[in-house]
C-alpha atoms as a PDB file:
ATOM      1  CA  UNK A   1       1.110 -52.443   1.130  1.00  0.00           C
ATOM      2  CA  UNK A   2       1.906 -55.206   3.550  1.00  0.00           C
ATOM      3  CA  UNK A   3       3.988 -54.589   6.662  1.00  0.00           C
ATOM      4  CA  UNK A   4       7.065 -56.380   5.345  1.00  0.00           C
ATOM      5  CA  UNK A   5      10.333 -54.795   6.499  1.00  0.00           C
ATOM      6  CA  UNK A   6      12.657 -54.095   3.565  1.00  0.00           C
ATOM      7  CA  UNK A   7      16.169 -52.719   3.441  1.00  0.00           C
ATOM      8  CA  UNK A   8      16.475 -49.242   1.968  1.00  0.00           C
ATOM      9  CA  UNK A   9      18.438 -50.669  -0.979  1.00  0.00           C
ATOM     10  CA  UNK A  10      15.520 -53.033  -1.739  1.00  0.00           C
ATOM     11  CA  UNK A  11      13.067 -50.135  -1.502  1.00  0.00           C
ATOM     12  CA  UNK A  12      15.126 -48.084  -3.981  1.00  0.00           C
ATOM     13  CA  UNK A  13      15.168 -51.023  -6.442  1.00  0.00           C
ATOM     14  CA  UNK A  14      11.425 -51.678  -6.130  1.00  0.00           C
ATOM     15  CA  UNK A  15      10.380 -48.016  -6.421  1.00  0.00           C
ATOM     16  CA  UNK A  16      12.989 -46.160  -8.513  1.00  0.00           C
ATOM     17  CA  UNK A  17      12.583 -42.382  -8.813  1.00  0.00           C
ATOM     18  CA  UNK A  18       9.484 -42.309  -6.592  1.00  0.00           C
ATOM     19  CA  UNK A  19       8.395 -40.714  -3.352  1.00  0.00           C
ATOM     20  CA  UNK A  20       7.947 -43.426  -0.731  1.00  0.00           C
ATOM     21  CA  UNK A  21       6.245 -43.168   2.650  1.00  0.00           C
ATOM     22  CA  UNK A  22       8.074 -45.450   5.088  1.00  0.00           C
ATOM     23  CA  UNK A  23       6.602 -46.714   8.353  1.00  0.00           C
ATOM     24  CA  UNK A  24       8.736 -47.315  11.463  1.00  0.00           C
ATOM     25  CA  UNK A  25      12.049 -46.564   9.742  1.00  0.00           C
ATOM     26  CA  UNK A  26      15.218 -47.900  11.350  1.00  0.00           C
ATOM     27  CA  UNK A  27      18.012 -45.352  11.224  1.00  0.00           C
ATOM     28  CA  UNK A  28      21.785 -45.671  11.390  1.00  0.00           C
ATOM     29  CA  UNK A  29      24.031 -43.544  13.560  1.00  0.00           C
ATOM     30  CA  UNK A  30      23.031 -39.908  14.132  1.00  0.00           C
ATOM     31  CA  UNK A  31      19.489 -40.601  12.829  1.00  0.00           C
ATOM     32  CA  UNK A  32      20.697 -41.071   9.246  1.00  0.00           C
ATOM     33  CA  UNK A  33      20.723 -42.903   6.820  1.00  0.00           C
ATOM     34  CA  UNK A  34      17.669 -45.157   6.781  1.00  0.00           C
ATOM     35  CA  UNK A  35      18.607 -48.832   7.107  1.00  0.00           C
ATOM     36  CA  UNK A  36      15.185 -50.477   6.756  1.00  0.00           C
ATOM     37  CA  UNK A  37      11.458 -49.737   6.941  1.00  0.00           C
ATOM     38  CA  UNK A  38       7.973 -50.839   5.879  1.00  0.00           C
ATOM     39  CA  UNK A  39       6.603 -49.290   2.695  1.00  0.00           C
ATOM     40  CA  UNK A  40       3.274 -47.619   3.470  1.00  0.00           C
ATOM     41  CA  UNK A  41       2.648 -46.021   0.054  1.00  0.00           C
ATOM     42  CA  UNK A  42       4.530 -44.759  -3.010  1.00  0.00           C
ATOM     43  CA  UNK A  43       3.937 -42.419  -5.944  1.00  0.00           C
ATOM     44  CA  UNK A  44       5.861 -40.502  -8.595  1.00  0.00           C
ATOM     45  CA  UNK A  45       4.305 -37.261  -7.311  1.00  0.00           C
ATOM     46  CA  UNK A  46       4.919 -36.178  -3.717  1.00  0.00           C
ATOM     47  CA  UNK A  47       1.721 -34.124  -3.490  1.00  0.00           C
ATOM     48  CA  UNK A  48      -0.402 -37.047  -4.699  1.00  0.00           C
ATOM     49  CA  UNK A  49       1.296 -39.300  -2.167  1.00  0.00           C
ATOM     50  CA  UNK A  50       0.483 -36.868   0.626  1.00  0.00           C
ATOM     51  CA  UNK A  51      -3.148 -36.472  -0.446  1.00  0.00           C
ATOM     52  CA  UNK A  52      -3.939 -40.128  -1.108  1.00  0.00           C
ATOM     53  CA  UNK A  53      -1.827 -41.736   1.589  1.00  0.00           C
ATOM     54  CA  UNK A  54      -3.663 -44.129   3.871  1.00  0.00           C
ATOM     55  CA  UNK A  55      -3.828 -43.382   7.579  1.00  0.00           C
ATOM     56  CA  UNK A  56      -0.424 -44.721   8.560  1.00  0.00           C
ATOM     57  CA  UNK A  57      -0.885 -43.911  12.240  1.00  0.00           C
ATOM     58  CA  UNK A  58      -3.141 -46.948  12.666  1.00  0.00           C
ATOM     59  CA  UNK A  59      -0.250 -49.333  11.949  1.00  0.00           C
ATOM     60  CA  UNK A  60       2.974 -47.406  12.589  1.00  0.00           C
ATOM     61  CA  UNK A  61       4.431 -45.294  15.384  1.00  0.00           C
ATOM     62  CA  UNK A  62       6.615 -43.149  13.104  1.00  0.00           C
ATOM     63  CA  UNK A  63       6.908 -42.472   9.401  1.00  0.00           C
ATOM     64  CA  UNK A  64       9.074 -40.569   6.965  1.00  0.00           C
ATOM     65  CA  UNK A  65       8.791 -39.644   3.302  1.00  0.00           C
ATOM     66  CA  UNK A  66      11.842 -40.129   1.056  1.00  0.00           C
ATOM     67  CA  UNK A  67      12.678 -39.804  -2.632  1.00  0.00           C
ATOM     68  CA  UNK A  68      14.484 -42.837  -4.073  1.00  0.00           C
ATOM     69  CA  UNK A  69      16.007 -41.102  -7.088  1.00  0.00           C
ATOM     70  CA  UNK A  70      18.452 -38.262  -7.516  1.00  0.00           C
ATOM     71  CA  UNK A  71      17.419 -34.652  -7.782  1.00  0.00           C
ATOM     72  CA  UNK A  72      18.516 -32.681 -10.842  1.00  0.00           C
ATOM     73  CA  UNK A  73      21.199 -30.089 -10.119  1.00  0.00           C
ATOM     74  CA  UNK A  74      19.927 -26.655  -9.187  1.00  0.00           C
ATOM     75  CA  UNK A  75      20.112 -24.201 -12.025  1.00  0.00           C
ATOM     76  CA  UNK A  76      20.296 -20.461 -11.714  1.00  0.00           C
ATOM     77  CA  UNK A  77      17.922 -18.891 -14.206  1.00  0.00           C
ATOM     78  CA  UNK A  78      18.787 -15.313 -13.495  1.00  0.00           C
ATOM     79  CA  UNK A  79      19.913 -12.982 -10.794  1.00  0.00           C
ATOM     80  CA  UNK A  80      18.238  -9.673 -10.139  1.00  0.00           C
ATOM     81  CA  UNK A  81      20.385  -6.961  -8.678  1.00  0.00           C
ATOM     82  CA  UNK A  82      18.900  -3.749  -7.393  1.00  0.00           C
ATOM     83  CA  UNK A  83      21.233  -0.820  -7.686  1.00  0.00           C
ATOM     84  CA  UNK A  84      20.735   2.680  -6.467  1.00  0.00           C
ATOM     85  CA  UNK A  85      21.864   5.240  -9.035  1.00  0.00           C
ATOM     86  CA  UNK A  86      22.989   8.462  -7.490  1.00  0.00           C
ATOM     87  CA  UNK A  87      22.739  11.688  -9.519  1.00  0.00           C
END
């Protein structure tokens, strides 16, 4: 990807529901949220992004990885309870 600085809203529109590696992110107050950054790489799968990502350190001082979609709500499948039965 080129080193064009994009707003985070533009990044979310260009790469919906993807993991995006951002170079030199600019943060708001208290180090969150991200205001703008350069897109280094993107992929639907975070592991693939991590394994195939180019060496971002050659072009950027800092980087962060973000997901542009929404995570599904956590679901509880089951709860195991261990009980001691006294005789």
